[in-house]
Amino acid sequence: MIQCKNFAPRITERGPFSGASDYESFSEVVSAANQWIESRTIQVINVETVVLPDRLEGTSDGVYGVTVSNGFYPVMISQGATINCFQCVRVWYRE
């Protein structure tokens, strides 16, 4: 069965009101993906960079960031609302 795993920037520093003020660089995200791949017995099918919204499933614990300095993408939707997106790495694999 083909599966995928997303690696998003983690918050490295908290700002006022427990909000994020700084995040991992994209190269650190790539490094985390590489470490995960090396620690598993999997067949990697593809690795891609994707831009995802700030409400990734499984990141509600606040560990992952919304923006990164080199990968911030505000996306406008209806009625002037903004959804912040960020650059991450997606690994497609087979166990």
C-alpha atoms as a PDB file:
ATOM      1  CA  MET A   1       0.000   0.000   0.000  1.00  0.00           C
ATOM      2  CA  ILE A   2       1.324   3.467  -0.911  1.00  0.00           C
ATOM      3  CA  GLN A   3       1.432   5.994   1.933  1.00  0.00           C
ATOM      4  CA  CYS A   4       2.728   9.515   2.460  1.00  0.00           C
ATOM      5  CA  LYS A   5       4.194  11.502   5.324  1.00  0.00           C
ATOM      6  CA  ASN A   6       4.447  15.287   5.539  1.00  0.00           C
ATOM      7  CA  PHE A   7       7.289  17.174   7.193  1.00  0.00           C
ATOM      8  CA  ALA A   8       6.472  20.778   8.090  1.00  0.00           C
ATOM      9  CA  PRO A   9       8.600  23.456   9.770  1.00  0.00           C
ATOM     10  CA  ARG A  10       8.588  23.248  13.559  1.00  0.00           C
ATOM     11  CA  ILE A  11       8.279  26.296  15.766  1.00  0.00           C
ATOM     12  CA  THR A  12      11.710  27.153  17.184  1.00  0.00           C
ATOM     13  CA  GLU A  13      10.772  30.215  19.226  1.00  0.00           C
ATOM     14  CA  ARG A  14       7.537  31.390  20.804  1.00  0.00           C
ATOM     15  CA  GLY A  15       6.444  34.992  20.578  1.00  0.00           C
ATOM     16  CA  PRO A  16       3.946  37.001  22.604  1.00  0.00           C
ATOM     17  CA  PHE A  17       0.742  35.254  23.678  1.00  0.00           C
ATOM     18  CA  SER A  18       2.319  31.832  22.919  1.00  0.00           C
ATOM     19  CA  GLY A  19       2.251  32.538  19.198  1.00  0.00           C
ATOM     20  CA  ALA A  20       5.100  31.444  16.994  1.00  0.00           C
ATOM     21  CA  SER A  21       7.771  33.964  16.143  1.00  0.00           C
ATOM     22  CA  ASP A  22      10.401  31.809  14.438  1.00  0.00           C
ATOM     23  CA  TYR A  23      10.443  28.502  12.591  1.00  0.00           C
ATOM     24  CA  GLU A  24      12.861  25.903  11.269  1.00  0.00           C
ATOM     25  CA  SER A  25      14.460  26.629   7.925  1.00  0.00           C
ATOM     26  CA  PHE A  26      13.450  24.567   4.924  1.00  0.00           C
ATOM     27  CA  SER A  27      16.848  22.831   4.975  1.00  0.00           C
ATOM     28  CA  GLU A  28      16.084  21.659   8.535  1.00  0.00           C
ATOM     29  CA  VAL A  29      12.761  20.254   7.309  1.00  0.00           C
ATOM     30  CA  VAL A  30      14.594  18.370   4.548  1.00  0.00           C
ATOM     31  CA  SER A  31      17.063  17.052   7.123  1.00  0.00           C
ATOM     32  CA  ALA A  32      14.198  15.769   9.321  1.00  0.00           C
ATOM     33  CA  ALA A  33      12.686  13.987   6.307  1.00  0.00           C
ATOM     34  CA  ASN A  34      16.064  12.407   5.492  1.00  0.00           C
ATOM     35  CA  GLN A  35      16.509  11.200   9.069  1.00  0.00           C
ATOM     36  CA  TRP A  36      13.020   9.686   9.070  1.00  0.00           C
ATOM     37  CA  ILE A  37      13.692   7.884   5.768  1.00  0.00           C
ATOM     38  CA  GLU A  38      17.007   6.499   7.059  1.00  0.00           C
ATOM     39  CA  SER A  39      15.387   5.203  10.257  1.00  0.00           C
ATOM     40  CA  ARG A  40      12.709   3.183   8.438  1.00  0.00           C
ATOM     41  CA  THR A  41      12.661   0.086   6.296  1.00  0.00           C
ATOM     42  CA  ILE A  42      10.631   1.537   3.448  1.00  0.00           C
ATOM     43  CA  GLN A  43      10.739   1.899  -0.301  1.00  0.00           C
ATOM     44  CA  VAL A  44      10.698   5.616  -1.151  1.00  0.00           C
ATOM     45  CA  ILE A  45       8.615   6.236  -4.259  1.00  0.00           C
ATOM     46  CA  ASN A  46       8.850  10.006  -4.492  1.00  0.00           C
ATOM     47  CA  VAL A  47       9.833  13.075  -2.461  1.00  0.00           C
ATOM     48  CA  GLU A  48       8.242  16.410  -3.275  1.00  0.00           C
ATOM     49  CA  THR A  49       7.932  19.942  -1.977  1.00  0.00           C
ATOM     50  CA  VAL A  50       4.365  21.019  -1.349  1.00  0.00           C
ATOM     51  CA  VAL A  51       2.716  24.167  -0.020  1.00  0.00           C
ATOM     52  CA  LEU A  52       0.080  23.304   2.575  1.00  0.00           C
ATOM     53  CA  PRO A  53      -2.346  25.346   4.687  1.00  0.00           C
ATOM     54  CA  ASP A  54      -1.589  26.052   8.335  1.00  0.00           C
ATOM     55  CA  ARG A  55      -4.191  23.545   9.526  1.00  0.00           C
ATOM     56  CA  LEU A  56      -2.462  20.265   8.730  1.00  0.00           C
ATOM     57  CA  GLU A  57      -4.135  17.216  10.210  1.00  0.00           C
ATOM     58  CA  GLY A  58      -2.091  15.908  13.106  1.00  0.00           C
ATOM     59  CA  THR A  59      -0.441  19.215  13.938  1.00  0.00           C
ATOM     60  CA  SER A  60      -3.044  20.564  16.350  1.00  0.00           C
ATOM     61  CA  ASP A  61      -0.580  20.176  19.227  1.00  0.00           C
ATOM     62  CA  GLY A  62       1.078  23.385  18.080  1.00  0.00           C
ATOM     63  CA  VAL A  63       4.444  21.784  17.319  1.00  0.00           C
ATOM     64  CA  TYR A  64       4.423  22.745  13.657  1.00  0.00           C
ATOM     65  CA  GLY A  65       4.602  26.277  12.385  1.00  0.00           C
ATOM     66  CA  VAL A  66       2.408  28.221  10.060  1.00  0.00           C
ATOM     67  CA  THR A  67       5.074  30.182   8.200  1.00  0.00           C
ATOM     68  CA  VAL A  68       8.767  30.078   7.581  1.00  0.00           C
ATOM     69  CA  SER A  69      11.006  32.962   6.607  1.00  0.00           C
ATOM     70  CA  ASN A  70      11.823  31.405   3.233  1.00  0.00           C
ATOM     71  CA  GLY A  71       8.493  29.679   2.570  1.00  0.00           C
ATOM     72  CA  PHE A  72       5.563  31.864   3.596  1.00  0.00           C
ATOM     73  CA  TYR A  73       2.572  31.886   1.277  1.00  0.00           C
ATOM     74  CA  PRO A  74      -0.507  33.912   2.291  1.00  0.00           C
ATOM     75  CA  VAL A  75      -3.446  32.728   0.190  1.00  0.00           C
ATOM     76  CA  MET A  76      -6.532  34.919  -0.133  1.00  0.00           C
ATOM     77  CA  ILE A  77      -9.954  33.311  -0.071  1.00  0.00           C
ATOM     78  CA  SER A  78     -13.464  34.744  -0.222  1.00  0.00           C
ATOM     79  CA  GLN A  79     -14.465  37.824   1.786  1.00  0.00           C
ATOM     80  CA  GLY A  80     -10.888  38.929   2.388  1.00  0.00           C
ATOM     81  CA  ALA A  81      -9.950  36.102   4.765  1.00  0.00           C
ATOM     82  CA  THR A  82      -6.354  34.895   4.575  1.00  0.00           C
ATOM     83  CA  ILE A  83      -5.113  31.351   5.034  1.00  0.00           C
ATOM     84  CA  ASN A  84      -1.407  31.109   5.749  1.00  0.00           C
ATOM     85  CA  CYS A  85       0.424  28.303   3.992  1.00  0.00           C
ATOM     86  CA  PHE A  86       3.940  26.952   4.376  1.00  0.00           C
ATOM     87  CA  GLN A  87       6.434  24.907   2.415  1.00  0.00           C
ATOM     88  CA  CYS A  88       6.940  21.324   3.495  1.00  0.00           C
ATOM     89  CA  VAL A  89       8.331  18.007   2.271  1.00  0.00           C
ATOM     90  CA  ARG A  90       6.069  15.080   1.378  1.00  0.00           C
ATOM     91  CA  VAL A  91       7.515  11.574   1.187  1.00  0.00           C
ATOM     92  CA  TRP A  92       5.584   8.938  -0.764  1.00  0.00           C
ATOM     93  CA  TYR A  93       6.602   5.432   0.255  1.00  0.00           C
ATOM     94  CA  ARG A  94       5.681   1.763   0.440  1.00  0.00           C
ATOM     95  CA  GLU A  95       6.303  -0.411   3.514  1.00  0.00           C
END
